[in-house]
């Protein structure tokens, strides 16, 4: 039996500097039936032409404007499903892959026919043995969305394919069947938690979400949001979290979500004020206001 057709979709915005190692390691994959598409979200740094010049086997789909990560993903999904993809491998532009990562993800997906999404073990690029994500967990009682294994040294504590609440779209293998059933990503999320939303919808539709630790990648964390704890990142993470729980939490969950979110947010704001980071506090206020008023701000 021939290997399933996998289309890798790399969503890019002004990521020329990180695209080269991403595409180089992707094209060096041991998995043979692999095609690659870069969806460029109206970059101003020449990314699209760079890919055409340096990686002629990679297709490029340029968008007329930057409508966010989810919209870029959806453009890639539409393109690759039309091309007959059996699986779509979604990737951030700032990752590098182990040579067997794609093969390990496909192997896990084939062994679990009910799987919608399979995610790899993701490490920090600057700390290659420290885990950034070993799948994800959602608590509807506390309003928390978190990466499992965050900042843990990999000592072999995660073994074998396992079910998780969500996997991050930083790198995820998506079944074409599941995408057609569940639908595309929700573009109401500009960035953050669109992947969590997607996974919850897939689980509600009867699919499984899996983590495969034998598939390994390395991630230059927060490149798209400027690196570190920026006002941009704070604004969008808080807003996306509020949107996620407003869509998926049950009424009784809010008895825990509201007070705990208020306490966490106030505590964080006070710490940032003490550290002289008023811009971060202003980002919290803008995020809360825009969430209540429905204003779209990028």
C-alpha atoms as a PDB file:
ATOM      1  CA  UNK A   1       0.000   0.000   0.000  1.00  0.00           C
ATOM      2  CA  UNK A   2       1.350   3.428  -0.979  1.00  0.00           C
ATOM      3  CA  UNK A   3       2.080   5.944   1.755  1.00  0.00           C
ATOM      4  CA  UNK A   4      -0.747   8.467   2.235  1.00  0.00           C
ATOM      5  CA  UNK A   5      -0.245  11.826   0.542  1.00  0.00           C
ATOM      6  CA  UNK A   6       0.824  14.409   3.097  1.00  0.00           C
ATOM      7  CA  UNK A   7       0.795  18.096   2.270  1.00  0.00           C
ATOM      8  CA  UNK A   8       2.789  20.265   4.675  1.00  0.00           C
ATOM      9  CA  UNK A   9       1.403  23.788   5.074  1.00  0.00           C
ATOM     10  CA  UNK A  10       3.768  26.391   6.507  1.00  0.00           C
ATOM     11  CA  UNK A  11       1.980  29.618   7.460  1.00  0.00           C
ATOM     12  CA  UNK A  12       4.349  32.559   7.214  1.00  0.00           C
ATOM     13  CA  UNK A  13       4.295  36.257   8.046  1.00  0.00           C
ATOM     14  CA  UNK A  14       7.562  38.167   7.722  1.00  0.00           C
ATOM     15  CA  UNK A  15       9.503  35.051   8.620  1.00  0.00           C
ATOM     16  CA  UNK A  16      12.173  34.991   5.956  1.00  0.00           C
ATOM     17  CA  UNK A  17      14.950  34.517   8.521  1.00  0.00           C
ATOM     18  CA  UNK A  18      13.396  31.380  10.011  1.00  0.00           C
ATOM     19  CA  UNK A  19      11.883  29.865   6.873  1.00  0.00           C
ATOM     20  CA  UNK A  20      15.158  28.485   5.550  1.00  0.00           C
ATOM     21  CA  UNK A  21      15.862  25.992   8.376  1.00  0.00           C
ATOM     22  CA  UNK A  22      12.178  25.101   8.584  1.00  0.00           C
ATOM     23  CA  UNK A  23      11.901  24.211   4.910  1.00  0.00           C
ATOM     24  CA  UNK A  24      15.338  22.603   4.776  1.00  0.00           C
ATOM     25  CA  UNK A  25      14.543  20.147   7.569  1.00  0.00           C
ATOM     26  CA  UNK A  26      11.057  19.545   6.209  1.00  0.00           C
ATOM     27  CA  UNK A  27      12.331  18.689   2.728  1.00  0.00           C
ATOM     28  CA  UNK A  28      14.954  16.382   4.276  1.00  0.00           C
ATOM     29  CA  UNK A  29      12.188  14.285   5.830  1.00  0.00           C
ATOM     30  CA  UNK A  30      12.412  10.515   5.527  1.00  0.00           C
ATOM     31  CA  UNK A  31       8.733  10.460   4.524  1.00  0.00           C
ATOM     32  CA  UNK A  32       8.569  10.145   0.744  1.00  0.00           C
ATOM     33  CA  UNK A  33       5.018  11.110  -0.249  1.00  0.00           C
ATOM     34  CA  UNK A  34       5.279  14.701   0.945  1.00  0.00           C
ATOM     35  CA  UNK A  35       4.495  17.995  -0.786  1.00  0.00           C
ATOM     36  CA  UNK A  36       4.996  21.464   0.698  1.00  0.00           C
ATOM     37  CA  UNK A  37       2.992  24.691   0.508  1.00  0.00           C
ATOM     38  CA  UNK A  38       3.931  28.043   2.080  1.00  0.00           C
ATOM     39  CA  UNK A  39       0.949  30.288   2.762  1.00  0.00           C
ATOM     40  CA  UNK A  40       2.349  33.804   2.976  1.00  0.00           C
ATOM     41  CA  UNK A  41       0.181  36.271   4.901  1.00  0.00           C
ATOM     42  CA  UNK A  42       1.146  39.394   2.928  1.00  0.00           C
ATOM     43  CA  UNK A  43       4.733  39.542   4.201  1.00  0.00           C
ATOM     44  CA  UNK A  44       6.725  42.703   3.550  1.00  0.00           C
ATOM     45  CA  UNK A  45      10.162  41.069   3.918  1.00  0.00           C
ATOM     46  CA  UNK A  46      10.346  39.250   0.597  1.00  0.00           C
ATOM     47  CA  UNK A  47       9.534  35.855   2.097  1.00  0.00           C
ATOM     48  CA  UNK A  48       7.469  34.631  -0.855  1.00  0.00           C
ATOM     49  CA  UNK A  49      10.114  35.394  -3.453  1.00  0.00           C
ATOM     50  CA  UNK A  50      12.805  33.946  -1.202  1.00  0.00           C
ATOM     51  CA  UNK A  51      10.957  30.614  -1.104  1.00  0.00           C
ATOM     52  CA  UNK A  52      10.489  30.628  -4.883  1.00  0.00           C
ATOM     53  CA  UNK A  53      14.179  31.332  -5.428  1.00  0.00           C
ATOM     54  CA  UNK A  54      15.660  28.974  -2.841  1.00  0.00           C
ATOM     55  CA  UNK A  55      13.098  26.157  -2.716  1.00  0.00           C
ATOM     56  CA  UNK A  56      11.656  25.732  -6.228  1.00  0.00           C
ATOM     57  CA  UNK A  57       9.833  22.510  -5.300  1.00  0.00           C
ATOM     58  CA  UNK A  58       7.779  24.356  -2.671  1.00  0.00           C
ATOM     59  CA  UNK A  59       4.541  25.966  -3.780  1.00  0.00           C
ATOM     60  CA  UNK A  60       3.651  29.450  -2.531  1.00  0.00           C
ATOM     61  CA  UNK A  61       0.166  30.880  -1.965  1.00  0.00           C
ATOM     62  CA  UNK A  62       0.343  34.623  -1.319  1.00  0.00           C
ATOM     63  CA  UNK A  63      -2.510  36.261   0.571  1.00  0.00           C
ATOM     64  CA  UNK A  64      -3.556  39.837  -0.148  1.00  0.00           C
ATOM     65  CA  UNK A  65      -3.545  40.791   3.543  1.00  0.00           C
ATOM     66  CA  UNK A  66      -2.640  39.344   6.928  1.00  0.00           C
ATOM     67  CA  UNK A  67      -5.921  38.089   8.350  1.00  0.00           C
ATOM     68  CA  UNK A  68      -4.279  36.021  11.069  1.00  0.00           C
ATOM     69  CA  UNK A  69      -3.041  32.503  11.604  1.00  0.00           C
ATOM     70  CA  UNK A  70      -6.401  30.730  11.313  1.00  0.00           C
ATOM     71  CA  UNK A  71      -7.176  32.366   7.978  1.00  0.00           C
ATOM     72  CA  UNK A  72      -3.751  31.363   6.686  1.00  0.00           C
ATOM     73  CA  UNK A  73      -4.311  27.791   7.808  1.00  0.00           C
ATOM     74  CA  UNK A  74      -7.728  27.680   6.168  1.00  0.00           C
ATOM     75  CA  UNK A  75      -6.303  28.915   2.874  1.00  0.00           C
ATOM     76  CA  UNK A  76      -3.745  26.122   3.079  1.00  0.00           C
ATOM     77  CA  UNK A  77      -6.368  23.519   3.956  1.00  0.00           C
ATOM     78  CA  UNK A  78      -8.534  24.478   0.999  1.00  0.00           C
ATOM     79  CA  UNK A  79      -5.583  24.337  -1.383  1.00  0.00           C
ATOM     80  CA  UNK A  80      -4.193  21.005  -0.177  1.00  0.00           C
ATOM     81  CA  UNK A  81      -7.528  19.203   0.122  1.00  0.00           C
ATOM     82  CA  UNK A  82      -8.233  20.211  -3.470  1.00  0.00           C
ATOM     83  CA  UNK A  83      -4.865  18.642  -4.318  1.00  0.00           C
ATOM     84  CA  UNK A  84      -5.992  15.321  -2.833  1.00  0.00           C
ATOM     85  CA  UNK A  85      -4.170  15.373   0.502  1.00  0.00           C
ATOM     86  CA  UNK A  86      -4.879  12.445   2.821  1.00  0.00           C
ATOM     87  CA  UNK A  87      -3.257  14.344   5.688  1.00  0.00           C
ATOM     88  CA  UNK A  88      -2.268  17.991   6.117  1.00  0.00           C
ATOM     89  CA  UNK A  89       0.747  18.785   8.283  1.00  0.00           C
ATOM     90  CA  UNK A  90       0.357  22.301   9.666  1.00  0.00           C
ATOM     91  CA  UNK A  91       3.599  23.975  10.702  1.00  0.00           C
ATOM     92  CA  UNK A  92       4.720  27.299  12.082  1.00  0.00           C
ATOM     93  CA  UNK A  93       7.515  28.898  10.088  1.00  0.00           C
ATOM     94  CA  UNK A  94       9.865  28.876  13.096  1.00  0.00           C
ATOM     95  CA  UNK A  95      10.238  25.145  13.654  1.00  0.00           C
ATOM     96  CA  UNK A  96      12.792  22.529  12.674  1.00  0.00           C
ATOM     97  CA  UNK A  97      11.927  18.853  12.308  1.00  0.00           C
ATOM     98  CA  UNK A  98      13.679  15.615  13.136  1.00  0.00           C
ATOM     99  CA  UNK A  99      14.103  13.597   9.950  1.00  0.00           C
ATOM    100  CA  UNK A 100      11.610  10.946  11.079  1.00  0.00           C
ATOM    101  CA  UNK A 101       9.006  13.306  12.562  1.00  0.00           C
ATOM    102  CA  UNK A 102       6.585  13.199   9.631  1.00  0.00           C
ATOM    103  CA  UNK A 103       6.832   9.395   9.386  1.00  0.00           C
ATOM    104  CA  UNK A 104       6.167   9.037  13.119  1.00  0.00           C
ATOM    105  CA  UNK A 105       3.092  11.273  12.927  1.00  0.00           C
ATOM    106  CA  UNK A 106       1.661   9.368   9.947  1.00  0.00           C
ATOM    107  CA  UNK A 107       2.363   6.026  11.643  1.00  0.00           C
ATOM    108  CA  UNK A 108       0.440   7.156  14.746  1.00  0.00           C
ATOM    109  CA  UNK A 109      -2.462   8.437  12.640  1.00  0.00           C
ATOM    110  CA  UNK A 110      -2.731   5.201  10.644  1.00  0.00           C
ATOM    111  CA  UNK A 111      -2.648   3.126  13.832  1.00  0.00           C
ATOM    112  CA  UNK A 112      -5.570   5.162  15.247  1.00  0.00           C
ATOM    113  CA  UNK A 113      -8.182   5.564  12.494  1.00  0.00           C
ATOM    114  CA  UNK A 114     -10.430   7.692  14.742  1.00  0.00           C
ATOM    115  CA  UNK A 115      -7.751  10.345  15.166  1.00  0.00           C
ATOM    116  CA  UNK A 116      -8.407  13.813  13.815  1.00  0.00           C
ATOM    117  CA  UNK A 117      -5.130  15.405  14.878  1.00  0.00           C
ATOM    118  CA  UNK A 118      -1.746  14.051  15.947  1.00  0.00           C
ATOM    119  CA  UNK A 119       0.842  16.343  17.511  1.00  0.00           C
ATOM    120  CA  UNK A 120       4.581  15.793  18.062  1.00  0.00           C
ATOM    121  CA  UNK A 121       6.877  16.338  21.006  1.00  0.00           C
ATOM    122  CA  UNK A 122       7.909  19.991  20.763  1.00  0.00           C
ATOM    123  CA  UNK A 123      11.133  21.277  22.316  1.00  0.00           C
ATOM    124  CA  UNK A 124      12.556  24.767  22.747  1.00  0.00           C
ATOM    125  CA  UNK A 125      14.969  25.459  19.888  1.00  0.00           C
ATOM    126  CA  UNK A 126      17.460  27.141  22.234  1.00  0.00           C
ATOM    127  CA  UNK A 127      17.171  24.354  24.830  1.00  0.00           C
ATOM    128  CA  UNK A 128      16.946  21.248  22.661  1.00  0.00           C
ATOM    129  CA  UNK A 129      16.138  18.752  25.422  1.00  0.00           C
ATOM    130  CA  UNK A 130      13.596  20.953  27.251  1.00  0.00           C
ATOM    131  CA  UNK A 131       9.929  20.370  26.399  1.00  0.00           C
ATOM    132  CA  UNK A 132       7.665  23.164  25.215  1.00  0.00           C
ATOM    133  CA  UNK A 133       4.616  20.971  24.571  1.00  0.00           C
ATOM    134  CA  UNK A 134       3.763  17.323  25.118  1.00  0.00           C
ATOM    135  CA  UNK A 135       0.155  17.858  24.130  1.00  0.00           C
ATOM    136  CA  UNK A 136      -2.250  20.138  25.937  1.00  0.00           C
ATOM    137  CA  UNK A 137      -4.845  20.146  28.708  1.00  0.00           C
ATOM    138  CA  UNK A 138      -7.989  22.257  29.171  1.00  0.00           C
ATOM    139  CA  UNK A 139      -9.702  22.875  32.503  1.00  0.00           C
ATOM    140  CA  UNK A 140     -13.227  24.191  32.102  1.00  0.00           C
ATOM    141  CA  UNK A 141     -13.509  24.548  35.882  1.00  0.00           C
ATOM    142  CA  UNK A 142     -10.584  26.955  36.259  1.00  0.00           C
ATOM    143  CA  UNK A 143     -10.432  28.572  32.805  1.00  0.00           C
ATOM    144  CA  UNK A 144      -6.922  27.279  32.186  1.00  0.00           C
ATOM    145  CA  UNK A 145      -5.436  26.132  28.888  1.00  0.00           C
ATOM    146  CA  UNK A 146      -1.906  24.806  29.240  1.00  0.00           C
ATOM    147  CA  UNK A 147       0.819  22.828  27.541  1.00  0.00           C
ATOM    148  CA  UNK A 148       1.582  19.512  29.210  1.00  0.00           C
ATOM    149  CA  UNK A 149       5.273  19.082  30.019  1.00  0.00           C
ATOM    150  CA  UNK A 150       6.086  22.787  29.726  1.00  0.00           C
ATOM    151  CA  UNK A 151       9.747  23.496  30.657  1.00  0.00           C
ATOM    152  CA  UNK A 152      10.386  19.886  31.708  1.00  0.00           C
ATOM    153  CA  UNK A 153      13.682  18.261  30.839  1.00  0.00           C
ATOM    154  CA  UNK A 154      12.936  15.273  28.616  1.00  0.00           C
ATOM    155  CA  UNK A 155      13.945  12.252  30.668  1.00  0.00           C
ATOM    156  CA  UNK A 156      11.798   9.774  28.768  1.00  0.00           C
ATOM    157  CA  UNK A 157       8.718  10.449  30.898  1.00  0.00           C
ATOM    158  CA  UNK A 158       6.409  10.532  27.868  1.00  0.00           C
ATOM    159  CA  UNK A 159       6.251   7.175  26.121  1.00  0.00           C
ATOM    160  CA  UNK A 160       3.782   5.940  23.534  1.00  0.00           C
ATOM    161  CA  UNK A 161       0.921   7.594  21.707  1.00  0.00           C
ATOM    162  CA  UNK A 162      -1.689   9.021  24.090  1.00  0.00           C
ATOM    163  CA  UNK A 163      -4.940  10.975  23.969  1.00  0.00           C
ATOM    164  CA  UNK A 164      -4.827  14.627  25.011  1.00  0.00           C
ATOM    165  CA  UNK A 165      -7.305  17.513  25.169  1.00  0.00           C
ATOM    166  CA  UNK A 166      -5.575  19.402  22.374  1.00  0.00           C
ATOM    167  CA  UNK A 167      -2.373  19.665  20.368  1.00  0.00           C
ATOM    168  CA  UNK A 168      -0.884  22.946  19.277  1.00  0.00           C
ATOM    169  CA  UNK A 169      -1.090  23.945  15.614  1.00  0.00           C
ATOM    170  CA  UNK A 170       2.560  24.940  15.848  1.00  0.00           C
ATOM    171  CA  UNK A 171       2.908  21.437  14.382  1.00  0.00           C
ATOM    172  CA  UNK A 172      -0.007  19.071  13.876  1.00  0.00           C
ATOM    173  CA  UNK A 173      -0.936  16.347  11.419  1.00  0.00           C
ATOM    174  CA  UNK A 174      -4.613  16.708  10.485  1.00  0.00           C
ATOM    175  CA  UNK A 175      -6.716  14.009   8.851  1.00  0.00           C
ATOM    176  CA  UNK A 176      -8.424  15.193   5.667  1.00  0.00           C
ATOM    177  CA  UNK A 177     -11.525  13.227   6.667  1.00  0.00           C
ATOM    178  CA  UNK A 178     -11.675  14.993  10.027  1.00  0.00           C
ATOM    179  CA  UNK A 179     -11.157  18.441   8.479  1.00  0.00           C
ATOM    180  CA  UNK A 180     -14.051  17.841   6.095  1.00  0.00           C
ATOM    181  CA  UNK A 181     -16.242  16.731   9.010  1.00  0.00           C
ATOM    182  CA  UNK A 182     -15.236  19.278  11.641  1.00  0.00           C
ATOM    183  CA  UNK A 183     -14.697  22.193   9.288  1.00  0.00           C
ATOM    184  CA  UNK A 184     -11.859  24.733   9.102  1.00  0.00           C
ATOM    185  CA  UNK A 185     -10.333  26.722  11.916  1.00  0.00           C
ATOM    186  CA  UNK A 186     -12.481  29.448  13.439  1.00  0.00           C
ATOM    187  CA  UNK A 187     -11.170  32.718  11.999  1.00  0.00           C
ATOM    188  CA  UNK A 188     -12.723  34.618  14.891  1.00  0.00           C
ATOM    189  CA  UNK A 189      -9.436  33.848  16.652  1.00  0.00           C
ATOM    190  CA  UNK A 190      -6.751  36.154  15.308  1.00  0.00           C
ATOM    191  CA  UNK A 191      -4.060  34.077  16.994  1.00  0.00           C
ATOM    192  CA  UNK A 192      -3.880  31.642  19.940  1.00  0.00           C
ATOM    193  CA  UNK A 193      -6.416  28.964  20.931  1.00  0.00           C
ATOM    194  CA  UNK A 194      -7.776  28.447  17.421  1.00  0.00           C
ATOM    195  CA  UNK A 195      -6.067  25.056  17.642  1.00  0.00           C
ATOM    196  CA  UNK A 196      -7.620  24.289  21.036  1.00  0.00           C
ATOM    197  CA  UNK A 197     -11.041  25.207  19.655  1.00  0.00           C
ATOM    198  CA  UNK A 198     -10.456  22.956  16.619  1.00  0.00           C
ATOM    199  CA  UNK A 199      -9.487  20.002  18.801  1.00  0.00           C
ATOM    200  CA  UNK A 200     -12.477  20.410  21.116  1.00  0.00           C
ATOM    201  CA  UNK A 201     -14.796  20.506  18.103  1.00  0.00           C
ATOM    202  CA  UNK A 202     -13.146  17.358  16.737  1.00  0.00           C
ATOM    203  CA  UNK A 203     -13.530  15.529  20.045  1.00  0.00           C
ATOM    204  CA  UNK A 204     -17.174  16.608  20.210  1.00  0.00           C
ATOM    205  CA  UNK A 205     -17.619  15.098  16.729  1.00  0.00           C
ATOM    206  CA  UNK A 206     -16.294  11.730  17.917  1.00  0.00           C
ATOM    207  CA  UNK A 207     -12.660  11.974  16.841  1.00  0.00           C
ATOM    208  CA  UNK A 208      -9.557  11.494  18.975  1.00  0.00           C
ATOM    209  CA  UNK A 209      -6.731  13.982  19.494  1.00  0.00           C
ATOM    210  CA  UNK A 210      -3.352  12.329  19.981  1.00  0.00           C
ATOM    211  CA  UNK A 211       0.178  13.142  21.104  1.00  0.00           C
ATOM    212  CA  UNK A 212       3.019  11.090  19.570  1.00  0.00           C
ATOM    213  CA  UNK A 213       6.269  11.667  21.516  1.00  0.00           C
ATOM    214  CA  UNK A 214       8.429   9.783  19.015  1.00  0.00           C
ATOM    215  CA  UNK A 215       7.813  12.599  16.507  1.00  0.00           C
ATOM    216  CA  UNK A 216      10.159  15.411  17.524  1.00  0.00           C
ATOM    217  CA  UNK A 217      10.443  19.056  16.482  1.00  0.00           C
ATOM    218  CA  UNK A 218      12.120  22.208  17.822  1.00  0.00           C
ATOM    219  CA  UNK A 219      10.319  25.553  18.089  1.00  0.00           C
ATOM    220  CA  UNK A 220      11.666  29.109  18.230  1.00  0.00           C
ATOM    221  CA  UNK A 221       8.980  30.144  20.687  1.00  0.00           C
ATOM    222  CA  UNK A 222       6.935  33.333  20.126  1.00  0.00           C
ATOM    223  CA  UNK A 223       8.702  34.488  16.973  1.00  0.00           C
ATOM    224  CA  UNK A 224       5.447  35.703  15.392  1.00  0.00           C
ATOM    225  CA  UNK A 225       4.516  37.797  18.421  1.00  0.00           C
ATOM    226  CA  UNK A 226       7.913  39.443  18.793  1.00  0.00           C
ATOM    227  CA  UNK A 227       9.402  37.019  21.311  1.00  0.00           C
ATOM    228  CA  UNK A 228       8.921  37.104  25.063  1.00  0.00           C
ATOM    229  CA  UNK A 229       5.993  38.602  26.943  1.00  0.00           C
ATOM    230  CA  UNK A 230       4.950  41.468  24.669  1.00  0.00           C
ATOM    231  CA  UNK A 231       1.762  43.590  24.805  1.00  0.00           C
ATOM    232  CA  UNK A 232       0.797  42.036  21.454  1.00  0.00           C
ATOM    233  CA  UNK A 233       1.044  38.521  22.897  1.00  0.00           C
ATOM    234  CA  UNK A 234      -0.768  39.444  26.128  1.00  0.00           C
ATOM    235  CA  UNK A 235      -3.608  41.118  24.246  1.00  0.00           C
ATOM    236  CA  UNK A 236      -4.260  38.243  21.862  1.00  0.00           C
ATOM    237  CA  UNK A 237      -3.746  35.413  24.356  1.00  0.00           C
ATOM    238  CA  UNK A 238      -6.230  36.867  26.838  1.00  0.00           C
ATOM    239  CA  UNK A 239      -8.756  37.735  24.169  1.00  0.00           C
ATOM    240  CA  UNK A 240      -8.554  34.295  22.553  1.00  0.00           C
ATOM    241  CA  UNK A 241      -8.873  32.554  25.917  1.00  0.00           C
ATOM    242  CA  UNK A 242     -12.020  34.516  26.716  1.00  0.00           C
ATOM    243  CA  UNK A 243     -13.441  33.683  23.295  1.00  0.00           C
ATOM    244  CA  UNK A 244     -12.677  29.991  23.690  1.00  0.00           C
ATOM    245  CA  UNK A 245     -14.464  29.633  27.015  1.00  0.00           C
ATOM    246  CA  UNK A 246     -17.379  31.797  25.902  1.00  0.00           C
ATOM    247  CA  UNK A 247     -17.929  29.306  23.076  1.00  0.00           C
ATOM    248  CA  UNK A 248     -17.286  26.011  24.862  1.00  0.00           C
ATOM    249  CA  UNK A 249     -17.803  26.350  28.613  1.00  0.00           C
ATOM    250  CA  UNK A 250     -21.085  25.243  30.175  1.00  0.00           C
ATOM    251  CA  UNK A 251     -23.018  27.768  32.294  1.00  0.00           C
ATOM    252  CA  UNK A 252     -21.960  26.082  35.539  1.00  0.00           C
ATOM    253  CA  UNK A 253     -18.269  26.323  34.607  1.00  0.00           C
ATOM    254  CA  UNK A 254     -18.416  30.103  34.908  1.00  0.00           C
ATOM    255  CA  UNK A 255     -18.742  29.866  38.692  1.00  0.00           C
ATOM    256  CA  UNK A 256     -15.070  28.871  38.635  1.00  0.00           C
ATOM    257  CA  UNK A 257     -13.842  30.594  35.487  1.00  0.00           C
ATOM    258  CA  UNK A 258     -14.902  34.145  36.412  1.00  0.00           C
ATOM    259  CA  UNK A 259     -13.423  34.509  39.918  1.00  0.00           C
ATOM    260  CA  UNK A 260     -10.235  32.614  39.097  1.00  0.00           C
ATOM    261  CA  UNK A 261      -9.679  34.589  35.892  1.00  0.00           C
ATOM    262  CA  UNK A 262     -10.233  37.856  37.757  1.00  0.00           C
ATOM    263  CA  UNK A 263      -7.743  36.860  40.456  1.00  0.00           C
ATOM    264  CA  UNK A 264      -5.120  35.729  37.934  1.00  0.00           C
ATOM    265  CA  UNK A 265      -5.537  38.833  35.783  1.00  0.00           C
ATOM    266  CA  UNK A 266      -5.350  41.284  38.677  1.00  0.00           C
ATOM    267  CA  UNK A 267      -2.336  39.487  40.123  1.00  0.00           C
ATOM    268  CA  UNK A 268      -0.554  39.589  36.783  1.00  0.00           C
ATOM    269  CA  UNK A 269      -1.399  43.280  36.262  1.00  0.00           C
ATOM    270  CA  UNK A 270      -0.063  44.226  39.698  1.00  0.00           C
ATOM    271  CA  UNK A 271       3.206  42.343  39.060  1.00  0.00           C
ATOM    272  CA  UNK A 272       3.648  44.064  35.703  1.00  0.00           C
ATOM    273  CA  UNK A 273       2.996  47.495  37.227  1.00  0.00           C
ATOM    274  CA  UNK A 274       5.580  46.834  39.947  1.00  0.00           C
ATOM    275  CA  UNK A 275       8.075  45.886  37.228  1.00  0.00           C
ATOM    276  CA  UNK A 276       7.330  49.095  35.352  1.00  0.00           C
ATOM    277  CA  UNK A 277       5.640  47.380  32.413  1.00  0.00           C
ATOM    278  CA  UNK A 278       2.657  49.647  31.996  1.00  0.00           C
ATOM    279  CA  UNK A 279       2.273  48.721  28.323  1.00  0.00           C
ATOM    280  CA  UNK A 280       1.492  45.136  29.325  1.00  0.00           C
ATOM    281  CA  UNK A 281      -1.221  46.311  31.707  1.00  0.00           C
ATOM    282  CA  UNK A 282      -2.679  48.546  29.002  1.00  0.00           C
ATOM    283  CA  UNK A 283      -2.794  45.493  26.731  1.00  0.00           C
ATOM    284  CA  UNK A 284      -4.912  43.660  29.316  1.00  0.00           C
ATOM    285  CA  UNK A 285      -7.355  46.566  29.515  1.00  0.00           C
ATOM    286  CA  UNK A 286      -7.629  46.792  25.712  1.00  0.00           C
ATOM    287  CA  UNK A 287      -8.153  43.055  25.431  1.00  0.00           C
ATOM    288  CA  UNK A 288     -10.953  43.028  28.001  1.00  0.00           C
ATOM    289  CA  UNK A 289     -12.631  46.069  26.451  1.00  0.00           C
ATOM    290  CA  UNK A 290     -12.424  44.741  22.907  1.00  0.00           C
ATOM    291  CA  UNK A 291     -13.713  41.351  24.028  1.00  0.00           C
ATOM    292  CA  UNK A 292     -16.782  42.990  25.537  1.00  0.00           C
ATOM    293  CA  UNK A 293     -17.424  45.354  22.620  1.00  0.00           C
ATOM    294  CA  UNK A 294     -16.555  42.942  19.821  1.00  0.00           C
ATOM    295  CA  UNK A 295     -13.964  45.249  18.299  1.00  0.00           C
ATOM    296  CA  UNK A 296     -11.503  43.497  15.989  1.00  0.00           C
ATOM    297  CA  UNK A 297      -7.982  44.760  16.471  1.00  0.00           C
ATOM    298  CA  UNK A 298      -4.773  43.282  15.046  1.00  0.00           C
END
